[in-house]
PDB file of N, CA and C in Angstrom:
ATOM      1  N   UNK A   1     113.408 -67.435   9.939  1.00  0.00           N
ATOM      2  CA  UNK A   1     112.128 -68.407   9.467  1.00  0.00           C
ATOM      3  C   UNK A   1     111.339 -67.794  10.169  1.00  0.00           C
ATOM      4  N   UNK A   2     109.821 -67.956   9.101  1.00  0.00           N
ATOM      5  CA  UNK A   2     108.728 -67.640   9.611  1.00  0.00           C
ATOM      6  C   UNK A   2     107.957 -68.463  10.143  1.00  0.00           C
ATOM      7  N   UNK A   3     107.091 -68.600  11.665  1.00  0.00           N
ATOM      8  CA  UNK A   3     106.309 -69.379  11.764  1.00  0.00           C
ATOM      9  C   UNK A   3     105.005 -68.371  12.138  1.00  0.00           C
ATOM     10  N   UNK A   4     104.922 -67.562  11.472  1.00  0.00           N
ATOM     11  CA  UNK A   4     103.476 -66.931  11.364  1.00  0.00           C
ATOM     12  C   UNK A   4     103.284 -66.283  10.037  1.00  0.00           C
ATOM     13  N   UNK A   5     101.840 -65.908  10.194  1.00  0.00           N
ATOM     14  CA  UNK A   5     102.076 -65.028   9.069  1.00  0.00           C
ATOM     15  C   UNK A   5     102.789 -63.706   9.629  1.00  0.00           C
ATOM     16  N   UNK A   6     102.600 -62.708   8.407  1.00  0.00           N
ATOM     17  CA  UNK A   6     103.258 -61.367   8.637  1.00  0.00           C
ATOM     18  C   UNK A   6     101.843 -60.621   9.041  1.00  0.00           C
ATOM     19  N   UNK A   7     102.675 -59.672  10.265  1.00  0.00           N
ATOM     20  CA  UNK A   7     101.067 -59.044  10.561  1.00  0.00           C
ATOM     21  C   UNK A   7     100.790 -58.285   9.475  1.00  0.00           C
ATOM     22  N   UNK A   8      99.169 -57.736  10.367  1.00  0.00           N
ATOM     23  CA  UNK A   8      98.515 -56.141   9.508  1.00  0.00           C
ATOM     24  C   UNK A   8      99.359 -55.162   9.112  1.00  0.00           C
ATOM     25  N   UNK A   9      98.823 -53.928   7.788  1.00  0.00           N
ATOM     26  CA  UNK A   9      99.624 -52.858   8.471  1.00  0.00           C
ATOM     27  C   UNK A   9      99.485 -52.520   9.862  1.00  0.00           C
ATOM     28  N   UNK A  10      98.046 -52.494   9.800  1.00  0.00           N
ATOM     29  CA  UNK A  10      97.129 -51.711  11.001  1.00  0.00           C
ATOM     30  C   UNK A  10      97.502 -52.237  12.683  1.00  0.00           C
ATOM     31  N   UNK A  11      98.314 -52.573  13.563  1.00  0.00           N
ATOM     32  CA  UNK A  11      97.873 -53.386  14.532  1.00  0.00           C
ATOM     33  C   UNK A  11      98.051 -52.918  15.829  1.00  0.00           C
ATOM     34  N   UNK A  12      97.364 -53.460  16.766  1.00  0.00           N
ATOM     35  CA  UNK A  12      97.495 -53.166  18.045  1.00  0.00           C
ATOM     36  C   UNK A  12      98.350 -53.678  18.698  1.00  0.00           C
ATOM     37  N   UNK A  13      99.200 -53.332  19.682  1.00  0.00           N
ATOM     38  CA  UNK A  13      99.973 -54.215  20.059  1.00  0.00           C
ATOM     39  C   UNK A  13      99.533 -54.748  21.759  1.00  0.00           C
ATOM     40  N   UNK A  14      99.528 -55.788  22.151  1.00  0.00           N
ATOM     41  CA  UNK A  14      98.551 -56.442  23.300  1.00  0.00           C
ATOM     42  C   UNK A  14     100.120 -56.862  24.362  1.00  0.00           C
ATOM     43  N   UNK A  15     100.166 -57.769  24.612  1.00  0.00           N
ATOM     44  CA  UNK A  15     101.437 -57.624  25.435  1.00  0.00           C
ATOM     45  C   UNK A  15     101.839 -58.871  25.221  1.00  0.00           C
ATOM     46  N   UNK A  16     103.334 -59.368  25.714  1.00  0.00           N
ATOM     47  CA  UNK A  16     104.495 -60.270  25.844  1.00  0.00           C
ATOM     48  C   UNK A  16     103.353 -61.630  26.077  1.00  0.00           C
ATOM     49  N   UNK A  17     103.765 -62.706  25.275  1.00  0.00           N
ATOM     50  CA  UNK A  17     103.038 -64.461  25.379  1.00  0.00           C
ATOM     51  C   UNK A  17     104.003 -64.803  25.410  1.00  0.00           C
ATOM     52  N   UNK A  18     103.918 -66.367  25.430  1.00  0.00           N
ATOM     53  CA  UNK A  18     105.494 -67.504  25.990  1.00  0.00           C
ATOM     54  C   UNK A  18     104.270 -68.890  26.349  1.00  0.00           C
ATOM     55  N   UNK A  19     104.508 -69.831  24.946  1.00  0.00           N
ATOM     56  CA  UNK A  19     104.060 -70.992  25.683  1.00  0.00           C
ATOM     57  C   UNK A  19     104.982 -72.293  25.699  1.00  0.00           C
ATOM     58  N   UNK A  20     105.268 -73.453  26.105  1.00  0.00           N
ATOM     59  CA  UNK A  20     105.557 -74.258  25.462  1.00  0.00           C
ATOM     60  C   UNK A  20     104.980 -75.724  24.720  1.00  0.00           C
ATOM     61  N   UNK A  21     105.124 -76.448  24.387  1.00  0.00           N
ATOM     62  CA  UNK A  21     105.022 -78.023  24.132  1.00  0.00           C
ATOM     63  C   UNK A  21     106.260 -78.735  23.999  1.00  0.00           C
ATOM     64  N   UNK A  22     105.666 -80.377  24.216  1.00  0.00           N
ATOM     65  CA  UNK A  22     106.671 -80.936  23.782  1.00  0.00           C
ATOM     66  C   UNK A  22     106.137 -82.792  23.729  1.00  0.00           C
ATOM     67  N   UNK A  23     107.059 -83.129  23.901  1.00  0.00           N
ATOM     68  CA  UNK A  23     106.770 -84.415  22.752  1.00  0.00           C
ATOM     69  C   UNK A  23     108.039 -85.698  22.989  1.00  0.00           C
ATOM     70  N   UNK A  24     107.686 -86.625  22.836  1.00  0.00           N
ATOM     71  CA  UNK A  24     107.754 -87.754  22.864  1.00  0.00           C
ATOM     72  C   UNK A  24     108.896 -88.678  22.181  1.00  0.00           C
ATOM     73  N   UNK A  25     109.913 -88.761  21.948  1.00  0.00           N
ATOM     74  CA  UNK A  25     110.330 -90.079  20.753  1.00  0.00           C
ATOM     75  C   UNK A  25     110.389 -90.947  21.855  1.00  0.00           C
ATOM     76  N   UNK A  26     110.207 -92.495  22.135  1.00  0.00           N
ATOM     77  CA  UNK A  26     110.078 -93.362  22.902  1.00  0.00           C
ATOM     78  C   UNK A  26     110.561 -94.620  22.199  1.00  0.00           C
ATOM     79  N   UNK A  27     111.098 -95.575  22.324  1.00  0.00           N
ATOM     80  CA  UNK A  27     112.198 -96.585  21.407  1.00  0.00           C
ATOM     81  C   UNK A  27     111.368 -96.401  20.104  1.00  0.00           C
ATOM     82  N   UNK A  28     112.046 -95.733  19.327  1.00  0.00           N
ATOM     83  CA  UNK A  28     111.749 -94.898  17.473  1.00  0.00           C
ATOM     84  C   UNK A  28     110.627 -93.772  17.175  1.00  0.00           C
ATOM     85  N   UNK A  29     109.438 -94.587  18.956  1.00  0.00           N
ATOM     86  CA  UNK A  29     108.142 -94.281  18.175  1.00  0.00           C
ATOM     87  C   UNK A  29     107.943 -92.674  18.791  1.00  0.00           C
ATOM     88  N   UNK A  30     107.466 -91.471  17.993  1.00  0.00           N
ATOM     89  CA  UNK A  30     107.201 -90.073  18.379  1.00  0.00           C
ATOM     90  C   UNK A  30     106.022 -90.329  18.923  1.00  0.00           C
ATOM     91  N   UNK A  31     105.879 -89.387  19.742  1.00  0.00           N
ATOM     92  CA  UNK A  31     104.057 -88.885  20.684  1.00  0.00           C
ATOM     93  C   UNK A  31     104.804 -87.683  20.744  1.00  0.00           C
ATOM     94  N   UNK A  32     103.307 -86.568  19.309  1.00  0.00           N
ATOM     95  CA  UNK A  32     103.614 -85.314  19.465  1.00  0.00           C
ATOM     96  C   UNK A  32     104.624 -84.431  19.553  1.00  0.00           C
ATOM     97  N   UNK A  33     105.509 -85.188  18.576  1.00  0.00           N
ATOM     98  CA  UNK A  33     106.867 -84.896  18.778  1.00  0.00           C
ATOM     99  C   UNK A  33     106.710 -83.067  17.046  1.00  0.00           C
ATOM    100  N   UNK A  34     105.392 -83.751  16.364  1.00  0.00           N
ATOM    101  CA  UNK A  34     105.969 -82.777  14.878  1.00  0.00           C
ATOM    102  C   UNK A  34     104.815 -81.832  15.042  1.00  0.00           C
ATOM    103  N   UNK A  35     103.700 -81.971  15.764  1.00  0.00           N
ATOM    104  CA  UNK A  35     102.930 -80.543  16.655  1.00  0.00           C
ATOM    105  C   UNK A  35     103.271 -79.751  17.217  1.00  0.00           C
ATOM    106  N   UNK A  36     104.683 -80.047  18.109  1.00  0.00           N
ATOM    107  CA  UNK A  36     104.970 -79.017  19.461  1.00  0.00           C
ATOM    108  C   UNK A  36     105.019 -77.903  19.471  1.00  0.00           C
ATOM    109  N   UNK A  37     106.172 -77.390  17.793  1.00  0.00           N
ATOM    110  CA  UNK A  37     105.715 -75.605  17.503  1.00  0.00           C
ATOM    111  C   UNK A  37     104.238 -75.042  17.662  1.00  0.00           C
ATOM    112  N   UNK A  38     103.582 -76.237  16.710  1.00  0.00           N
ATOM    113  CA  UNK A  38     102.351 -75.606  15.998  1.00  0.00           C
ATOM    114  C   UNK A  38     101.133 -75.171  18.015  1.00  0.00           C
ATOM    115  N   UNK A  39     101.930 -76.216  18.289  1.00  0.00           N
ATOM    116  CA  UNK A  39     100.879 -75.826  20.387  1.00  0.00           C
ATOM    117  C   UNK A  39     101.643 -75.549  20.806  1.00  0.00           C
ATOM    118  N   UNK A  40     103.129 -74.529  20.393  1.00  0.00           N
ATOM    119  CA  UNK A  40     103.642 -73.838  21.661  1.00  0.00           C
ATOM    120  C   UNK A  40     103.093 -72.459  21.456  1.00  0.00           C
ATOM    121  N   UNK A  41     102.660 -72.257  19.825  1.00  0.00           N
ATOM    122  CA  UNK A  41     102.840 -70.972  19.387  1.00  0.00           C
ATOM    123  C   UNK A  41     100.924 -70.421  19.932  1.00  0.00           C
ATOM    124  N   UNK A  42     100.915 -71.512  20.346  1.00  0.00           N
ATOM    125  CA  UNK A  42      98.831 -71.845  19.998  1.00  0.00           C
ATOM    126  C   UNK A  42      98.730 -71.326  21.350  1.00  0.00           C
ATOM    127  N   UNK A  43      99.416 -71.156  22.647  1.00  0.00           N
ATOM    128  CA  UNK A  43      99.540 -71.666  23.821  1.00  0.00           C
ATOM    129  C   UNK A  43     100.290 -69.803  23.633  1.00  0.00           C
ATOM    130  N   UNK A  44     101.180 -69.215  23.013  1.00  0.00           N
ATOM    131  CA  UNK A  44     101.324 -67.444  23.244  1.00  0.00           C
ATOM    132  C   UNK A  44     100.637 -67.246  22.641  1.00  0.00           C
ATOM    133  N   UNK A  45      99.516 -67.538  21.934  1.00  0.00           N
ATOM    134  CA  UNK A  45      98.709 -66.380  22.049  1.00  0.00           C
ATOM    135  C   UNK A  45      97.570 -66.393  22.989  1.00  0.00           C
ATOM    136  N   UNK A  46      97.192 -67.851  23.347  1.00  0.00           N
ATOM    137  CA  UNK A  46      96.189 -67.623  24.223  1.00  0.00           C
ATOM    138  C   UNK A  46      97.105 -66.838  25.770  1.00  0.00           C
ATOM    139  N   UNK A  47      98.079 -66.538  25.324  1.00  0.00           N
ATOM    140  CA  UNK A  47      98.179 -66.176  27.347  1.00  0.00           C
ATOM    141  C   UNK A  47      98.832 -64.917  26.345  1.00  0.00           C
ATOM    142  N   UNK A  48      99.355 -64.232  25.541  1.00  0.00           N
ATOM    143  CA  UNK A  48      98.581 -62.726  25.343  1.00  0.00           C
ATOM    144  C   UNK A  48      97.583 -62.282  24.794  1.00  0.00           C
ATOM    145  N   UNK A  49      96.425 -62.613  24.458  1.00  0.00           N
ATOM    146  CA  UNK A  49      94.686 -62.012  24.228  1.00  0.00           C
ATOM    147  C   UNK A  49      94.926 -62.263  22.632  1.00  0.00           C
ATOM    148  N   UNK A  50      96.349 -62.397  21.838  1.00  0.00           N
ATOM    149  CA  UNK A  50      96.703 -62.144  21.001  1.00  0.00           C
ATOM    150  C   UNK A  50      95.525 -62.899  19.606  1.00  0.00           C
ATOM    151  N   UNK A  51      96.174 -62.201  18.092  1.00  0.00           N
ATOM    152  CA  UNK A  51      96.098 -62.705  16.977  1.00  0.00           C
ATOM    153  C   UNK A  51      96.814 -63.646  16.765  1.00  0.00           C
ATOM    154  N   UNK A  52      98.237 -62.720  16.642  1.00  0.00           N
ATOM    155  CA  UNK A  52     100.028 -62.877  16.437  1.00  0.00           C
ATOM    156  C   UNK A  52     100.299 -62.901  16.786  1.00  0.00           C
ATOM    157  N   UNK A  53     101.761 -62.348  16.898  1.00  0.00           N
ATOM    158  CA  UNK A  53     102.946 -62.736  17.939  1.00  0.00           C
ATOM    159  C   UNK A  53     103.978 -61.952  16.495  1.00  0.00           C
ATOM    160  N   UNK A  54     104.864 -60.604  17.110  1.00  0.00           N
ATOM    161  CA  UNK A  54     105.943 -59.741  16.542  1.00  0.00           C
ATOM    162  C   UNK A  54     107.217 -60.745  17.332  1.00  0.00           C
ATOM    163  N   UNK A  55     108.467 -59.791  16.951  1.00  0.00           N
ATOM    164  CA  UNK A  55     109.332 -60.026  17.719  1.00  0.00           C
ATOM    165  C   UNK A  55     109.047 -61.816  18.001  1.00  0.00           C
ATOM    166  N   UNK A  56     109.047 -62.814  17.494  1.00  0.00           N
ATOM    167  CA  UNK A  56     108.762 -64.415  18.662  1.00  0.00           C
ATOM    168  C   UNK A  56     110.337 -64.664  18.231  1.00  0.00           C
ATOM    169  N   UNK A  57     110.474 -65.572  19.484  1.00  0.00           N
ATOM    170  CA  UNK A  57     112.059 -66.104  19.181  1.00  0.00           C
ATOM    171  C   UNK A  57     111.445 -67.599  19.911  1.00  0.00           C
ATOM    172  N   UNK A  58     112.119 -68.613  18.754  1.00  0.00           N
ATOM    173  CA  UNK A  58     111.950 -70.334  19.537  1.00  0.00           C
ATOM    174  C   UNK A  58     113.576 -70.820  19.879  1.00  0.00           C
ATOM    175  N   UNK A  59     112.931 -71.903  20.827  1.00  0.00           N
ATOM    176  CA  UNK A  59     113.857 -72.261  21.314  1.00  0.00           C
ATOM    177  C   UNK A  59     113.933 -73.816  22.012  1.00  0.00           C
ATOM    178  N   UNK A  60     114.782 -74.374  21.366  1.00  0.00           N
ATOM    179  CA  UNK A  60     114.177 -75.767  21.452  1.00  0.00           C
ATOM    180  C   UNK A  60     115.453 -76.691  22.355  1.00  0.00           C
ATOM    181  N   UNK A  61     114.115 -77.619  23.109  1.00  0.00           N
ATOM    182  CA  UNK A  61     115.152 -78.820  24.504  1.00  0.00           C
ATOM    183  C   UNK A  61     115.271 -79.887  24.023  1.00  0.00           C
ATOM    184  N   UNK A  62     115.774 -80.717  24.564  1.00  0.00           N
ATOM    185  CA  UNK A  62     115.656 -82.308  25.340  1.00  0.00           C
ATOM    186  C   UNK A  62     116.633 -82.403  26.340  1.00  0.00           C
ATOM    187  N   UNK A  63     115.695 -84.257  26.508  1.00  0.00           N
ATOM    188  CA  UNK A  63     116.313 -84.457  27.636  1.00  0.00           C
ATOM    189  C   UNK A  63     115.638 -85.655  27.566  1.00  0.00           C
ATOM    190  N   UNK A  64     116.472 -86.743  28.368  1.00  0.00           N
ATOM    191  CA  UNK A  64     116.941 -88.131  28.223  1.00  0.00           C
ATOM    192  C   UNK A  64     115.753 -88.571  28.986  1.00  0.00           C
ATOM    193  N   UNK A  65     115.024 -89.543  29.166  1.00  0.00           N
ATOM    194  CA  UNK A  65     114.311 -89.961  29.627  1.00  0.00           C
ATOM    195  C   UNK A  65     114.375 -91.640  29.969  1.00  0.00           C
ATOM    196  N   UNK A  66     115.414 -91.929  30.210  1.00  0.00           N
ATOM    197  CA  UNK A  66     115.443 -93.125  30.141  1.00  0.00           C
ATOM    198  C   UNK A  66     115.272 -94.109  29.055  1.00  0.00           C
ATOM    199  N   UNK A  67     114.430 -94.553  28.253  1.00  0.00           N
ATOM    200  CA  UNK A  67     113.714 -95.207  27.680  1.00  0.00           C
ATOM    201  C   UNK A  67     113.854 -94.520  26.577  1.00  0.00           C
ATOM    202  N   UNK A  68     114.421 -93.503  25.937  1.00  0.00           N
ATOM    203  CA  UNK A  68     113.400 -92.189  24.671  1.00  0.00           C
ATOM    204  C   UNK A  68     113.781 -90.878  25.218  1.00  0.00           C
ATOM    205  N   UNK A  69     113.421 -89.815  24.408  1.00  0.00           N
ATOM    206  CA  UNK A  69     114.114 -88.431  24.673  1.00  0.00           C
ATOM    207  C   UNK A  69     112.705 -88.354  24.608  1.00  0.00           C
ATOM    208  N   UNK A  70     112.303 -86.715  25.467  1.00  0.00           N
ATOM    209  CA  UNK A  70     111.479 -85.597  25.328  1.00  0.00           C
ATOM    210  C   UNK A  70     112.064 -84.387  24.483  1.00  0.00           C
ATOM    211  N   UNK A  71     111.328 -83.986  23.991  1.00  0.00           N
ATOM    212  CA  UNK A  71     111.688 -82.837  22.504  1.00  0.00           C
ATOM    213  C   UNK A  71     110.814 -81.446  23.237  1.00  0.00           C
ATOM    214  N   UNK A  72     110.818 -80.535  23.646  1.00  0.00           N
ATOM    215  CA  UNK A  72     110.083 -79.377  24.048  1.00  0.00           C
ATOM    216  C   UNK A  72     111.022 -78.119  22.883  1.00  0.00           C
ATOM    217  N   UNK A  73     110.024 -77.421  23.059  1.00  0.00           N
ATOM    218  CA  UNK A  73     109.878 -75.794  21.987  1.00  0.00           C
ATOM    219  C   UNK A  73     108.861 -75.385  22.754  1.00  0.00           C
ATOM    220  N   UNK A  74     109.341 -73.390  22.889  1.00  0.00           N
ATOM    221  CA  UNK A  74     109.749 -72.700  23.836  1.00  0.00           C
ATOM    222  C   UNK A  74     109.171 -71.619  22.795  1.00  0.00           C
ATOM    223  N   UNK A  75     108.226 -70.686  22.992  1.00  0.00           N
ATOM    224  CA  UNK A  75     108.120 -69.504  21.831  1.00  0.00           C
ATOM    225  C   UNK A  75     107.789 -68.224  22.512  1.00  0.00           C
ATOM    226  N   UNK A  76     107.927 -67.920  22.002  1.00  0.00           N
ATOM    227  CA  UNK A  76     108.314 -65.979  23.119  1.00  0.00           C
ATOM    228  C   UNK A  76     107.889 -64.640  21.710  1.00  0.00           C
ATOM    229  N   UNK A  77     106.822 -64.205  22.544  1.00  0.00           N
ATOM    230  CA  UNK A  77     107.145 -62.790  21.314  1.00  0.00           C
ATOM    231  C   UNK A  77     105.777 -61.945  21.646  1.00  0.00           C
ATOM    232  N   UNK A  78     105.998 -60.957  21.196  1.00  0.00           N
ATOM    233  CA  UNK A  78     105.094 -59.532  21.503  1.00  0.00           C
ATOM    234  C   UNK A  78     103.858 -60.500  21.285  1.00  0.00           C
ATOM    235  N   UNK A  79     102.681 -59.769  21.496  1.00  0.00           N
ATOM    236  CA  UNK A  79     101.833 -60.013  20.891  1.00  0.00           C
ATOM    237  C   UNK A  79     100.546 -58.634  20.750  1.00  0.00           C
ATOM    238  N   UNK A  80     100.092 -59.117  18.972  1.00  0.00           N
ATOM    239  CA  UNK A  80      98.606 -58.188  18.812  1.00  0.00           C
ATOM    240  C   UNK A  80      97.726 -58.261  18.034  1.00  0.00           C
ATOM    241  N   UNK A  81      96.621 -57.740  17.690  1.00  0.00           N
ATOM    242  CA  UNK A  81      95.638 -57.415  18.215  1.00  0.00           C
ATOM    243  C   UNK A  81      95.594 -56.768  16.619  1.00  0.00           C
ATOM    244  N   UNK A  82      94.512 -57.080  15.431  1.00  0.00           N
ATOM    245  CA  UNK A  82      94.771 -55.980  14.131  1.00  0.00           C
ATOM    246  C   UNK A  82      93.665 -55.195  15.055  1.00  0.00           C
ATOM    247  N   UNK A  83      93.911 -53.963  14.083  1.00  0.00           N
ATOM    248  CA  UNK A  83      93.579 -52.383  14.314  1.00  0.00           C
ATOM    249  C   UNK A  83      93.227 -51.295  13.731  1.00  0.00           C
ATOM    250  N   UNK A  84      92.520 -50.385  13.551  1.00  0.00           N
ATOM    251  CA  UNK A  84      92.086 -49.283  13.142  1.00  0.00           C
ATOM    252  C   UNK A  84      93.413 -48.953  12.810  1.00  0.00           C
TER     253      UNK A  84
END
C-alpha cells in the first residue's frame, strides 16, 4: 500500500529515517489515532532530512492502558531528495 507519492525519476538518496506516533482510545473516544501514520511519516522525513522515503516499512503495535488502548505506528525507510 502506498503511503506517499512515488519518487521522481532522478533523486539523491539521503539517509535512513525513522518515525513513530501514537494515539489512544479511551472509553471509546479516539485521541490522535487517525493521524498517527501521517505524523510518523513526517517524523521519519525530518529524521532523514529528506522529501520522501523509499523502501518503507510500517509497523503497528498496541498496548492496553487500563482505561483503553494505546495504538502506535512506526515507519522507517531510506530518505531521498529531488536531484538533477
